[in-house]
Amino acid sequence: MQKTLAHEAQNSDSSARTPDDTASVGAKDQLLSDLDKVQRKEENIPFQTLVWTYIVLFFVLMFILPKIYIANQIYYISRDINHKYHKYTALIEENRHLRKKIEQLQYQSQVVDDITVP
């Protein structure tokens, strides 16, 4: 039903056109082409907006990157400190063990000297 109405509208438009109708059709076509141009027009970012964006990005990076660097340095230094602390505790235990062994050898030496002297 819609196809027949559209077909009848086309037939009636083409058969009953007057010079004023042709001018108005031309004006409509001109308006539609202008509308297409406006809708298809590419809008670029204004230079000032681009500059502000780069300035903000620069300041954000200026504050974020040093924080990241410092956090990484703190991590690696604390890791080194922890590694050296474990070595330190191992050396203290080894020192304790060696002192005990020295004490045992000194006791053995004194006991053997006492036994062999008479």
Protein backbone atom coordinates (compact mmCIF):
# COMPACT_ATOMS: atom_id res chain seq x y z
CA MET A 1 0.00 0.00 0.00
CA GLN A 2 2.84 2.41 0.82
CA LYS A 3 4.55 1.55 -2.45
CA THR A 4 1.48 2.48 -4.41
CA LEU A 5 1.10 5.77 -2.53
CA ALA A 6 4.73 6.64 -3.14
CA HIS A 7 4.40 5.65 -6.81
CA GLU A 8 1.27 7.79 -7.20
CA ALA A 9 3.00 10.74 -5.51
CA GLN A 10 5.91 10.48 -7.96
CA ASN A 11 3.60 10.29 -10.94
CA SER A 12 1.54 13.27 -9.77
CA ASP A 13 4.71 15.32 -9.01
CA SER A 14 6.29 14.73 -12.39
CA SER A 15 3.14 15.40 -14.38
CA ALA A 16 1.95 18.49 -12.54
CA ARG A 17 5.18 20.45 -12.14
CA THR A 18 5.19 24.12 -12.90
CA PRO A 19 8.20 26.41 -13.32
CA ASP A 20 7.79 27.58 -9.69
CA ASP A 21 7.81 23.95 -8.55
CA THR A 22 11.00 23.35 -10.52
CA ALA A 23 12.65 26.34 -8.84
CA SER A 24 11.55 25.15 -5.41
CA VAL A 25 12.87 21.64 -6.19
CA GLY A 26 16.18 23.21 -7.20
CA ALA A 27 16.22 25.20 -3.95
CA LYS A 28 15.45 22.05 -1.98
CA ASP A 29 18.25 20.22 -3.76
CA GLN A 30 20.59 23.13 -3.01
CA LEU A 31 19.57 23.07 0.66
CA LEU A 32 20.09 19.31 0.84
CA SER A 33 23.53 19.57 -0.76
CA ASP A 34 24.47 22.38 1.67
CA LEU A 35 23.21 20.26 4.56
CA ASP A 36 25.34 17.32 3.35
CA LYS A 37 28.40 19.58 3.18
CA VAL A 38 27.81 20.85 6.71
CA GLN A 39 27.23 17.36 8.09
CA ARG A 40 30.31 15.97 6.36
CA LYS A 41 32.53 18.88 7.36
CA GLU A 42 35.49 17.62 9.40
CA GLU A 43 36.01 19.43 12.65
CA ASN A 44 39.61 19.54 13.79
CA ILE A 45 40.74 20.17 17.33
CA PRO A 46 41.50 23.85 17.85
CA PHE A 47 45.18 24.66 18.32
CA GLN A 48 44.62 26.20 21.75
CA THR A 49 42.90 23.05 23.01
CA LEU A 50 45.77 20.95 21.70
CA VAL A 51 48.33 23.17 23.44
CA TRP A 52 46.43 22.99 26.76
CA THR A 53 46.18 19.24 26.45
CA TYR A 54 49.94 18.94 25.96
CA ILE A 55 50.62 21.31 28.86
CA VAL A 56 48.40 19.28 31.21
CA LEU A 57 49.97 16.04 30.00
CA PHE A 58 53.44 17.48 30.59
CA PHE A 59 52.62 18.49 34.17
CA VAL A 60 50.97 15.17 34.94
CA LEU A 61 54.00 13.29 33.66
CA MET A 62 56.30 15.70 35.49
CA PHE A 63 54.70 14.70 38.79
CA ILE A 64 54.00 11.02 38.07
CA LEU A 65 57.34 9.89 36.59
CA PRO A 66 59.51 11.01 39.53
CA LYS A 67 57.12 9.26 41.91
CA ILE A 68 57.43 6.05 39.93
CA TYR A 69 61.23 6.39 39.81
CA ILE A 70 61.49 7.03 43.55
CA ALA A 71 59.14 4.13 44.35
CA ASN A 72 61.26 1.80 42.22
CA GLN A 73 64.48 3.01 43.86
CA ILE A 74 62.99 2.49 47.32
CA TYR A 75 61.95 -1.03 46.33
CA TYR A 76 65.40 -2.00 45.03
CA ILE A 77 67.23 -0.43 47.98
CA SER A 78 64.95 -2.17 50.49
CA ARG A 79 65.49 -5.43 48.63
CA ASP A 80 69.27 -4.96 48.92
CA ILE A 81 68.94 -4.08 52.61
CA ASN A 82 66.86 -7.21 53.21
CA HIS A 83 69.42 -9.35 51.36
CA LYS A 84 72.28 -7.88 53.44
CA TYR A 85 70.29 -8.33 56.66
CA HIS A 86 69.85 -12.02 55.89
CA LYS A 87 73.60 -12.31 55.31
CA TYR A 88 74.21 -10.46 58.59
CA THR A 89 71.97 -12.81 60.58
CA ALA A 90 73.64 -15.81 58.95
CA LEU A 91 77.09 -14.45 59.93
CA ILE A 92 75.93 -13.85 63.52
CA GLU A 93 74.73 -17.46 63.74
CA GLU A 94 78.00 -18.69 62.22
CA ASN A 95 79.95 -16.53 64.71
CA ARG A 96 77.92 -17.99 67.59
CA HIS A 97 78.61 -21.51 66.30
CA LEU A 98 82.37 -20.81 65.93
CA ARG A 99 82.62 -19.33 69.44
CA LYS A 100 80.94 -22.44 70.81
CA LYS A 101 83.38 -24.64 68.90
CA ILE A 102 86.34 -22.58 70.17
CA GLU A 103 85.05 -22.92 73.72
CA GLN A 104 84.77 -26.69 73.28
CA LEU A 105 88.33 -26.91 71.89
CA GLN A 106 89.68 -24.77 74.73
CA TYR A 107 87.94 -26.99 77.28
CA GLN A 108 89.32 -30.08 75.57
CA SER A 109 92.77 -28.56 75.52
CA GLN A 110 92.63 -27.73 79.24
CA VAL A 111 91.30 -31.16 80.15
CA VAL A 112 93.90 -32.94 78.05
CA ASP A 113 96.69 -30.76 79.47
CA ASP A 114 95.50 -31.51 83.03
CA ILE A 115 95.39 -35.23 82.34
CA THR A 116 98.80 -35.38 80.70
CA VAL A 117 100.67 -33.12 83.18
CA PRO A 118 100.96 -35.46 86.24
